[in-house]
């Protein structure tokens, strides 16, 4: 049986392949679609365990696969060692990396080509999501997330992300 994170990755790749032909036929995202995508990504950062979160993740995933003008690079190296990224909520956090990157690209189109800024925004979104999970489920454990929160507090998160980017493939 596939692990949740692996299943998410497979679904993401398949959806991107299926939708790529459609994305070439449709035009860029509309202002209304971008506004809704930001709202959905923000909702997931603050309410990742809400009963409607799964449906919202699906809608946001479909939107990102469908539109030709918003592209994210899903590279978990910017978060850290994948062996440390295991837990009950790793699928939600993995997905959030992409959603928070897309949110940043929409809100800061002038920085959409700045990979370091986009990845940093994605990781910061993952950390907001983790903090929301910890609030809802205080016993949740994922040491890597706590390590990243410490780096954020120390002002070294951007350096961590830059280092992790070295293992990422370019768009």
N, C-alpha and C. Protein backbone atom coordinates (compact mmCIF):
# COMPACT_ATOMS: atom_id res chain seq x y z
N UNK A 1 0.85 -1.19 0.00
CA UNK A 1 0.00 0.00 0.00
C UNK A 1 0.88 1.23 0.00
N UNK A 2 0.53 2.21 -0.81
CA UNK A 2 1.30 3.44 -0.89
C UNK A 2 1.07 4.28 0.36
N UNK A 3 2.14 4.91 0.82
CA UNK A 3 2.06 5.85 1.92
C UNK A 3 1.33 7.10 1.45
N UNK A 4 0.71 7.85 2.37
CA UNK A 4 -0.07 9.04 1.98
C UNK A 4 0.75 10.03 1.17
N UNK A 5 2.01 10.28 1.59
CA UNK A 5 2.83 11.24 0.86
C UNK A 5 3.11 10.74 -0.55
N UNK A 6 3.44 9.45 -0.67
CA UNK A 6 3.71 8.87 -1.98
C UNK A 6 2.46 8.92 -2.84
N UNK A 7 1.32 8.61 -2.27
CA UNK A 7 0.08 8.65 -3.01
C UNK A 7 -0.21 10.07 -3.48
N UNK A 8 0.00 11.07 -2.61
CA UNK A 8 -0.21 12.46 -3.00
C UNK A 8 0.68 12.81 -4.18
N UNK A 9 1.95 12.41 -4.14
CA UNK A 9 2.89 12.71 -5.21
C UNK A 9 2.44 12.07 -6.51
N UNK A 10 2.01 10.81 -6.46
CA UNK A 10 1.54 10.11 -7.66
C UNK A 10 0.31 10.82 -8.22
N UNK A 11 -0.63 11.16 -7.36
CA UNK A 11 -1.84 11.85 -7.81
C UNK A 11 -1.49 13.19 -8.44
N UNK A 12 -0.58 13.93 -7.80
CA UNK A 12 -0.17 15.23 -8.33
C UNK A 12 0.43 15.09 -9.72
N UNK A 13 1.32 14.13 -9.91
CA UNK A 13 1.96 13.92 -11.21
C UNK A 13 0.92 13.52 -12.26
N UNK A 14 0.05 12.58 -11.92
CA UNK A 14 -0.97 12.15 -12.88
C UNK A 14 -1.92 13.29 -13.24
N UNK A 15 -2.33 14.05 -12.24
CA UNK A 15 -3.23 15.16 -12.50
C UNK A 15 -2.56 16.20 -13.40
N UNK A 16 -1.29 16.45 -13.15
CA UNK A 16 -0.56 17.41 -13.99
C UNK A 16 -0.48 16.92 -15.43
N UNK A 17 -0.23 15.64 -15.61
CA UNK A 17 -0.15 15.08 -16.96
C UNK A 17 -1.49 15.17 -17.68
N UNK A 18 -2.55 14.78 -16.98
CA UNK A 18 -3.88 14.78 -17.58
C UNK A 18 -4.31 16.20 -17.92
N UNK A 19 -4.01 17.13 -17.03
CA UNK A 19 -4.48 18.51 -17.21
C UNK A 19 -3.57 19.35 -18.10
N UNK A 20 -2.37 18.89 -18.39
CA UNK A 20 -1.45 19.73 -19.16
C UNK A 20 -1.99 20.04 -20.55
N UNK A 21 -2.65 19.08 -21.17
CA UNK A 21 -3.22 19.34 -22.49
C UNK A 21 -4.33 20.38 -22.39
N UNK A 22 -5.16 20.26 -21.36
CA UNK A 22 -6.23 21.22 -21.16
C UNK A 22 -5.67 22.60 -20.84
N UNK A 23 -4.62 22.64 -20.03
CA UNK A 23 -4.02 23.93 -19.63
C UNK A 23 -3.49 24.67 -20.85
N UNK A 24 -3.03 23.93 -21.84
CA UNK A 24 -2.52 24.58 -23.03
C UNK A 24 -3.66 25.21 -23.84
N UNK A 25 -4.86 24.67 -23.69
CA UNK A 25 -6.00 25.18 -24.44
C UNK A 25 -6.67 26.35 -23.73
N UNK A 26 -6.66 26.36 -22.44
CA UNK A 26 -7.32 27.43 -21.70
C UNK A 26 -6.37 28.59 -21.51
N UNK A 27 -6.91 29.72 -21.23
CA UNK A 27 -6.09 30.90 -20.99
C UNK A 27 -5.58 30.93 -19.56
N UNK A 28 -4.89 32.00 -19.22
CA UNK A 28 -4.36 32.12 -17.86
C UNK A 28 -5.50 32.24 -16.84
N UNK A 29 -5.15 32.06 -15.60
CA UNK A 29 -6.13 32.16 -14.52
C UNK A 29 -6.72 33.57 -14.49
N UNK A 30 -7.95 33.63 -14.05
CA UNK A 30 -8.63 34.92 -13.95
C UNK A 30 -8.35 35.54 -12.58
N UNK A 31 -8.55 36.82 -12.43
CA UNK A 31 -8.39 37.45 -11.11
C UNK A 31 -9.26 36.78 -10.04
N UNK A 32 -10.48 36.39 -10.41
CA UNK A 32 -11.37 35.72 -9.46
C UNK A 32 -10.81 34.36 -9.04
N UNK A 33 -10.27 33.62 -10.00
CA UNK A 33 -9.69 32.31 -9.69
C UNK A 33 -8.47 32.47 -8.78
N UNK A 34 -7.64 33.45 -9.07
CA UNK A 34 -6.45 33.67 -8.23
C UNK A 34 -6.86 34.09 -6.82
N UNK A 35 -7.86 34.95 -6.72
CA UNK A 35 -8.34 35.37 -5.39
C UNK A 35 -8.84 34.16 -4.62
N UNK A 36 -9.59 33.31 -5.26
CA UNK A 36 -10.13 32.11 -4.60
C UNK A 36 -9.00 31.16 -4.22
N UNK A 37 -7.99 31.02 -5.05
CA UNK A 37 -6.85 30.15 -4.74
C UNK A 37 -6.12 30.64 -3.49
N UNK A 38 -5.93 31.95 -3.40
CA UNK A 38 -5.28 32.52 -2.21
C UNK A 38 -6.13 32.25 -0.97
N UNK A 39 -7.44 32.43 -1.10
CA UNK A 39 -8.33 32.16 0.02
C UNK A 39 -8.25 30.70 0.46
N UNK A 40 -8.22 29.78 -0.51
CA UNK A 40 -8.14 28.35 -0.19
C UNK A 40 -6.82 28.01 0.48
N UNK A 41 -5.72 28.52 -0.07
CA UNK A 41 -4.40 28.24 0.51
C UNK A 41 -4.31 28.79 1.94
N UNK A 42 -4.84 29.97 2.15
CA UNK A 42 -4.83 30.58 3.48
C UNK A 42 -5.70 29.77 4.44
N UNK A 43 -6.85 29.34 3.98
CA UNK A 43 -7.72 28.50 4.81
C UNK A 43 -6.98 27.24 5.23
N UNK A 44 -6.30 26.60 4.30
CA UNK A 44 -5.59 25.35 4.61
C UNK A 44 -4.42 25.58 5.56
N UNK A 45 -3.79 26.75 5.48
CA UNK A 45 -2.71 27.06 6.43
C UNK A 45 -3.25 27.19 7.85
N UNK A 46 -4.45 27.70 7.99
CA UNK A 46 -4.98 27.98 9.32
C UNK A 46 -5.97 26.92 9.83
N UNK A 47 -6.50 26.12 8.92
CA UNK A 47 -7.50 25.10 9.28
C UNK A 47 -7.20 23.77 8.58
N UNK A 48 -5.99 23.25 8.69
CA UNK A 48 -5.62 22.07 7.89
C UNK A 48 -6.39 20.80 8.23
N UNK A 49 -7.01 20.76 9.38
CA UNK A 49 -7.73 19.55 9.80
C UNK A 49 -9.26 19.72 9.73
N UNK A 50 -9.72 20.83 9.19
CA UNK A 50 -11.16 21.06 9.06
C UNK A 50 -11.77 19.98 8.18
N UNK A 51 -13.06 19.71 8.41
CA UNK A 51 -13.69 18.62 7.65
C UNK A 51 -13.72 18.91 6.15
N UNK A 52 -13.77 20.17 5.75
CA UNK A 52 -13.80 20.51 4.33
C UNK A 52 -12.39 20.66 3.72
N UNK A 53 -11.35 20.50 4.53
CA UNK A 53 -9.98 20.70 4.05
C UNK A 53 -9.61 19.76 2.91
N UNK A 54 -10.04 18.51 2.98
CA UNK A 54 -9.72 17.55 1.92
C UNK A 54 -10.29 18.01 0.57
N UNK A 55 -11.54 18.45 0.57
CA UNK A 55 -12.16 18.93 -0.66
C UNK A 55 -11.47 20.19 -1.18
N UNK A 56 -11.08 21.06 -0.27
CA UNK A 56 -10.38 22.28 -0.67
C UNK A 56 -9.03 21.95 -1.27
N UNK A 57 -8.32 21.00 -0.66
CA UNK A 57 -7.03 20.57 -1.22
C UNK A 57 -7.21 20.04 -2.64
N UNK A 58 -8.25 19.25 -2.84
CA UNK A 58 -8.52 18.71 -4.16
C UNK A 58 -8.82 19.80 -5.18
N UNK A 59 -9.63 20.76 -4.79
CA UNK A 59 -9.98 21.86 -5.70
C UNK A 59 -8.75 22.70 -6.03
N UNK A 60 -7.93 22.95 -5.03
CA UNK A 60 -6.72 23.76 -5.26
C UNK A 60 -5.71 23.00 -6.11
N UNK A 61 -5.59 21.71 -5.88
CA UNK A 61 -4.70 20.89 -6.70
C UNK A 61 -5.15 20.90 -8.15
N UNK A 62 -6.44 20.74 -8.38
CA UNK A 62 -6.96 20.76 -9.74
C UNK A 62 -6.71 22.11 -10.40
N UNK A 63 -6.95 23.18 -9.66
CA UNK A 63 -6.72 24.53 -10.19
C UNK A 63 -5.26 24.69 -10.62
N UNK A 64 -4.31 24.28 -9.77
CA UNK A 64 -2.89 24.44 -10.10
C UNK A 64 -2.48 23.59 -11.29
N UNK A 65 -3.09 22.43 -11.42
CA UNK A 65 -2.77 21.57 -12.56
C UNK A 65 -3.38 22.11 -13.84
N UNK A 66 -4.48 22.82 -13.71
CA UNK A 66 -5.23 23.30 -14.86
C UNK A 66 -4.67 24.59 -15.47
N UNK A 67 -4.24 25.53 -14.65
CA UNK A 67 -3.87 26.85 -15.17
C UNK A 67 -2.42 26.85 -15.68
N UNK A 68 -2.21 27.52 -16.80
CA UNK A 68 -0.86 27.53 -17.36
C UNK A 68 0.05 28.62 -16.79
N UNK A 69 -0.50 29.55 -16.03
CA UNK A 69 0.29 30.72 -15.62
C UNK A 69 0.79 30.68 -14.17
N UNK A 70 0.47 29.63 -13.44
CA UNK A 70 0.97 29.49 -12.06
C UNK A 70 1.63 28.12 -11.95
N UNK A 71 2.93 28.16 -11.76
CA UNK A 71 3.70 26.91 -11.70
C UNK A 71 4.49 26.86 -10.41
N UNK A 72 4.36 25.76 -9.69
CA UNK A 72 5.14 25.56 -8.47
C UNK A 72 6.08 24.38 -8.67
N UNK A 73 7.16 24.42 -7.94
CA UNK A 73 8.15 23.35 -7.99
C UNK A 73 8.10 22.63 -6.65
N UNK A 74 7.58 21.42 -6.64
CA UNK A 74 7.46 20.66 -5.41
C UNK A 74 8.78 19.93 -5.14
N UNK A 75 9.56 20.50 -4.24
CA UNK A 75 10.86 19.93 -3.88
C UNK A 75 10.96 19.93 -2.36
N UNK A 76 10.86 18.76 -1.78
CA UNK A 76 10.85 18.64 -0.32
C UNK A 76 12.23 18.89 0.30
N UNK A 77 13.27 18.98 -0.51
CA UNK A 77 14.60 19.28 0.04
C UNK A 77 14.62 20.60 0.80
N UNK A 78 13.77 21.54 0.41
CA UNK A 78 13.76 22.84 1.09
C UNK A 78 13.20 22.73 2.50
N UNK A 79 12.44 21.68 2.76
CA UNK A 79 11.93 21.44 4.10
C UNK A 79 13.01 20.77 4.94
N UNK A 80 13.65 19.77 4.37
CA UNK A 80 14.70 19.08 5.10
C UNK A 80 14.78 17.62 4.71
N UNK A 81 15.48 16.87 5.51
CA UNK A 81 15.72 15.46 5.29
C UNK A 81 14.40 14.70 5.23
N UNK A 82 14.14 14.07 4.09
CA UNK A 82 12.86 13.38 3.91
C UNK A 82 12.69 12.23 4.90
N UNK A 83 13.78 11.68 5.41
CA UNK A 83 13.68 10.61 6.41
C UNK A 83 13.11 11.14 7.72
N UNK A 84 13.28 12.44 7.97
CA UNK A 84 12.74 13.05 9.18
C UNK A 84 11.32 13.57 8.96
N UNK A 85 10.86 13.54 7.72
CA UNK A 85 9.56 14.10 7.38
C UNK A 85 8.54 12.98 7.30
N UNK A 86 8.32 12.33 8.43
CA UNK A 86 7.36 11.25 8.49
C UNK A 86 6.49 11.45 9.71
N UNK A 87 5.22 11.30 9.51
CA UNK A 87 4.29 11.47 10.62
C UNK A 87 2.86 11.43 10.11
N UNK A 88 1.96 11.64 11.02
CA UNK A 88 0.54 11.56 10.67
C UNK A 88 0.09 12.65 9.70
N UNK A 89 0.81 13.75 9.62
CA UNK A 89 0.35 14.89 8.84
C UNK A 89 1.29 15.24 7.69
N UNK A 90 2.16 14.32 7.31
CA UNK A 90 3.13 14.64 6.27
C UNK A 90 2.47 14.90 4.92
N UNK A 91 1.37 14.24 4.61
CA UNK A 91 0.70 14.48 3.32
C UNK A 91 0.12 15.89 3.27
N UNK A 92 -0.51 16.31 4.35
CA UNK A 92 -1.07 17.66 4.41
C UNK A 92 0.03 18.72 4.29
N UNK A 93 1.13 18.47 4.96
CA UNK A 93 2.23 19.44 4.94
C UNK A 93 2.93 19.47 3.59
N UNK A 94 3.07 18.30 2.96
CA UNK A 94 3.67 18.25 1.62
C UNK A 94 2.82 19.04 0.64
N UNK A 95 1.52 18.82 0.67
CA UNK A 95 0.63 19.54 -0.22
C UNK A 95 0.69 21.04 0.05
N UNK A 96 0.78 21.40 1.32
CA UNK A 96 0.79 22.82 1.68
C UNK A 96 2.00 23.54 1.12
N UNK A 97 3.10 22.84 0.96
CA UNK A 97 4.28 23.48 0.36
C UNK A 97 3.92 24.05 -1.01
N UNK A 98 3.24 23.26 -1.82
CA UNK A 98 2.84 23.72 -3.15
C UNK A 98 1.80 24.83 -3.06
N UNK A 99 0.82 24.67 -2.18
CA UNK A 99 -0.26 25.65 -2.08
C UNK A 99 0.25 27.00 -1.59
N UNK A 100 1.16 26.98 -0.63
CA UNK A 100 1.69 28.24 -0.12
C UNK A 100 2.62 28.90 -1.13
N UNK A 101 3.32 28.11 -1.93
CA UNK A 101 4.12 28.68 -3.02
C UNK A 101 3.21 29.38 -4.01
N UNK A 102 2.12 28.71 -4.39
CA UNK A 102 1.18 29.30 -5.35
C UNK A 102 0.59 30.59 -4.78
N UNK A 103 0.24 30.58 -3.52
CA UNK A 103 -0.30 31.79 -2.87
C UNK A 103 0.69 32.94 -2.99
N UNK A 104 1.97 32.67 -2.72
CA UNK A 104 3.00 33.70 -2.82
C UNK A 104 3.12 34.22 -4.25
N UNK A 105 3.13 33.32 -5.21
CA UNK A 105 3.26 33.70 -6.62
C UNK A 105 2.10 34.61 -7.03
N UNK A 106 0.90 34.27 -6.57
CA UNK A 106 -0.27 35.09 -6.90
C UNK A 106 -0.19 36.45 -6.23
N UNK A 107 0.20 36.46 -4.97
CA UNK A 107 0.24 37.72 -4.22
C UNK A 107 1.44 38.59 -4.57
N UNK A 108 2.49 37.98 -5.09
CA UNK A 108 3.72 38.71 -5.43
C UNK A 108 4.19 38.33 -6.85
N UNK A 109 3.42 38.68 -7.87
CA UNK A 109 3.78 38.27 -9.23
C UNK A 109 5.16 38.80 -9.66
N UNK A 110 5.60 39.91 -9.06
CA UNK A 110 6.91 40.47 -9.38
C UNK A 110 8.05 39.58 -8.86
N UNK A 111 7.74 38.67 -7.92
CA UNK A 111 8.76 37.79 -7.35
C UNK A 111 8.55 36.33 -7.76
N UNK A 112 7.67 36.09 -8.71
CA UNK A 112 7.33 34.72 -9.12
C UNK A 112 8.53 33.95 -9.66
N UNK A 113 9.51 34.65 -10.21
CA UNK A 113 10.70 33.98 -10.75
C UNK A 113 11.83 33.87 -9.73
N UNK A 114 11.64 34.41 -8.56
CA UNK A 114 12.64 34.35 -7.49
C UNK A 114 12.42 33.05 -6.72
N UNK A 115 13.10 31.99 -7.16
CA UNK A 115 12.88 30.67 -6.58
C UNK A 115 13.11 30.64 -5.07
N UNK A 116 14.11 31.35 -4.60
CA UNK A 116 14.40 31.36 -3.16
C UNK A 116 13.23 31.95 -2.39
N UNK A 117 12.67 33.04 -2.89
CA UNK A 117 11.53 33.67 -2.22
C UNK A 117 10.30 32.77 -2.27
N UNK A 118 10.07 32.13 -3.40
CA UNK A 118 8.92 31.25 -3.56
C UNK A 118 9.05 30.05 -2.62
N UNK A 119 10.22 29.42 -2.59
CA UNK A 119 10.42 28.27 -1.70
C UNK A 119 10.31 28.68 -0.23
N UNK A 120 10.87 29.83 0.12
CA UNK A 120 10.78 30.30 1.50
C UNK A 120 9.32 30.52 1.90
N UNK A 121 8.56 31.13 1.02
CA UNK A 121 7.13 31.34 1.29
C UNK A 121 6.42 30.01 1.46
N UNK A 122 6.78 29.03 0.65
CA UNK A 122 6.18 27.70 0.78
C UNK A 122 6.49 27.07 2.12
N UNK A 123 7.74 27.14 2.55
CA UNK A 123 8.14 26.56 3.83
C UNK A 123 7.46 27.32 4.98
N UNK A 124 7.37 28.62 4.87
CA UNK A 124 6.69 29.39 5.92
C UNK A 124 5.21 29.02 6.00
N UNK A 125 4.59 28.73 4.85
CA UNK A 125 3.20 28.26 4.85
C UNK A 125 3.07 26.90 5.51
N UNK A 126 4.04 26.03 5.26
CA UNK A 126 4.06 24.72 5.90
C UNK A 126 4.17 24.90 7.42
N UNK A 127 4.99 25.83 7.86
CA UNK A 127 5.14 26.07 9.30
C UNK A 127 3.86 26.64 9.92
N UNK A 128 3.17 27.51 9.20
CA UNK A 128 1.89 28.01 9.71
C UNK A 128 0.89 26.84 9.83
N UNK A 129 0.93 25.96 8.84
CA UNK A 129 0.05 24.79 8.86
C UNK A 129 0.39 23.89 10.03
N UNK A 130 1.69 23.66 10.26
CA UNK A 130 2.12 22.82 11.37
C UNK A 130 1.67 23.43 12.70
N UNK A 131 1.80 24.73 12.84
CA UNK A 131 1.38 25.38 14.08
C UNK A 131 -0.13 25.22 14.29
N UNK A 132 -0.91 25.28 13.21
CA UNK A 132 -2.35 25.08 13.31
C UNK A 132 -2.66 23.64 13.71
N UNK A 133 -1.91 22.70 13.15
CA UNK A 133 -2.10 21.29 13.53
C UNK A 133 -1.77 21.10 15.00
N UNK A 134 -0.66 21.68 15.44
CA UNK A 134 -0.25 21.54 16.85
C UNK A 134 -1.28 22.17 17.79
N UNK A 135 -1.92 23.24 17.37
CA UNK A 135 -2.97 23.85 18.19
C UNK A 135 -4.15 22.90 18.31
N UNK A 136 -4.54 22.28 17.20
CA UNK A 136 -5.68 21.36 17.20
C UNK A 136 -5.34 20.02 17.84
N UNK A 137 -4.11 19.58 17.65
CA UNK A 137 -3.65 18.27 18.14
C UNK A 137 -2.33 18.44 18.89
N UNK A 138 -2.38 18.91 20.13
CA UNK A 138 -1.15 19.21 20.88
C UNK A 138 -0.17 18.05 21.01
N UNK A 139 -0.65 16.82 20.88
CA UNK A 139 0.25 15.66 21.00
C UNK A 139 0.93 15.30 19.67
N UNK A 140 0.59 16.00 18.60
CA UNK A 140 1.21 15.73 17.30
C UNK A 140 2.71 15.93 17.39
N UNK A 141 3.45 15.03 16.75
CA UNK A 141 4.91 15.10 16.78
C UNK A 141 5.46 15.02 15.37
N UNK A 142 6.33 15.94 15.05
CA UNK A 142 7.10 15.92 13.82
C UNK A 142 8.33 16.78 14.08
N UNK A 143 9.38 16.16 14.64
CA UNK A 143 10.56 16.93 15.07
C UNK A 143 11.13 17.86 14.00
N UNK A 144 11.07 17.46 12.74
CA UNK A 144 11.60 18.31 11.68
C UNK A 144 10.88 19.66 11.65
N UNK A 145 9.58 19.65 11.84
CA UNK A 145 8.83 20.91 11.84
C UNK A 145 9.25 21.78 13.02
N UNK A 146 9.45 21.16 14.16
CA UNK A 146 9.89 21.93 15.33
C UNK A 146 11.29 22.50 15.11
N UNK A 147 12.15 21.74 14.44
CA UNK A 147 13.49 22.25 14.10
C UNK A 147 13.39 23.46 13.17
N UNK A 148 12.48 23.38 12.21
CA UNK A 148 12.31 24.50 11.28
C UNK A 148 11.74 25.73 11.98
N UNK A 149 10.85 25.52 12.93
CA UNK A 149 10.33 26.65 13.71
C UNK A 149 11.45 27.33 14.49
N UNK A 150 12.36 26.54 15.01
CA UNK A 150 13.52 27.10 15.73
C UNK A 150 14.40 27.91 14.78
N UNK A 151 14.60 27.40 13.57
CA UNK A 151 15.39 28.14 12.58
C UNK A 151 14.69 29.44 12.20
N UNK A 152 13.38 29.39 12.11
CA UNK A 152 12.62 30.60 11.80
C UNK A 152 12.80 31.63 12.90
N UNK A 153 12.69 31.20 14.15
CA UNK A 153 12.88 32.10 15.29
C UNK A 153 14.29 32.67 15.33
N UNK A 154 15.28 31.86 14.94
CA UNK A 154 16.67 32.29 14.97
C UNK A 154 17.05 33.13 13.75
N UNK A 155 16.13 33.23 12.78
CA UNK A 155 16.42 34.01 11.58
C UNK A 155 17.28 33.28 10.57
N UNK A 156 17.34 31.95 10.66
CA UNK A 156 18.18 31.18 9.73
C UNK A 156 17.37 30.31 8.77
N UNK A 157 16.05 30.49 8.76
CA UNK A 157 15.21 29.67 7.88
C UNK A 157 15.54 29.89 6.41
N UNK A 158 15.77 31.13 6.01
CA UNK A 158 16.09 31.42 4.61
C UNK A 158 17.38 30.72 4.20
N UNK A 159 18.37 30.68 5.09
CA UNK A 159 19.62 29.97 4.79
C UNK A 159 19.36 28.47 4.62
N UNK A 160 18.52 27.93 5.48
CA UNK A 160 18.16 26.51 5.40
C UNK A 160 17.51 26.20 4.05
N UNK A 161 16.57 27.05 3.65
CA UNK A 161 15.87 26.87 2.37
C UNK A 161 16.86 26.96 1.21
N UNK A 162 17.74 27.96 1.24
CA UNK A 162 18.76 28.11 0.18
C UNK A 162 19.60 26.85 0.06
N UNK A 163 20.00 26.30 1.18
CA UNK A 163 20.81 25.07 1.18
C UNK A 163 20.01 23.91 0.58
N UNK A 164 18.76 23.80 0.98
CA UNK A 164 17.91 22.73 0.45
C UNK A 164 17.64 22.85 -1.03
N UNK A 165 17.63 24.08 -1.54
CA UNK A 165 17.37 24.30 -2.97
C UNK A 165 18.44 23.67 -3.86
N UNK A 166 19.61 23.46 -3.31
CA UNK A 166 20.69 22.87 -4.12
C UNK A 166 20.33 21.49 -4.64
N UNK A 167 19.44 20.79 -3.93
CA UNK A 167 19.02 19.47 -4.36
C UNK A 167 17.74 19.46 -5.18
N UNK A 168 17.25 20.62 -5.55
CA UNK A 168 16.00 20.72 -6.31
C UNK A 168 16.28 20.88 -7.80
N UNK A 169 15.42 20.28 -8.59
CA UNK A 169 15.53 20.47 -10.05
C UNK A 169 14.89 21.78 -10.42
N UNK A 170 15.47 22.43 -11.39
CA UNK A 170 14.93 23.72 -11.88
C UNK A 170 13.64 23.46 -12.61
N UNK A 171 12.75 24.47 -12.57
CA UNK A 171 11.46 24.40 -13.29
C UNK A 171 11.70 24.23 -14.76
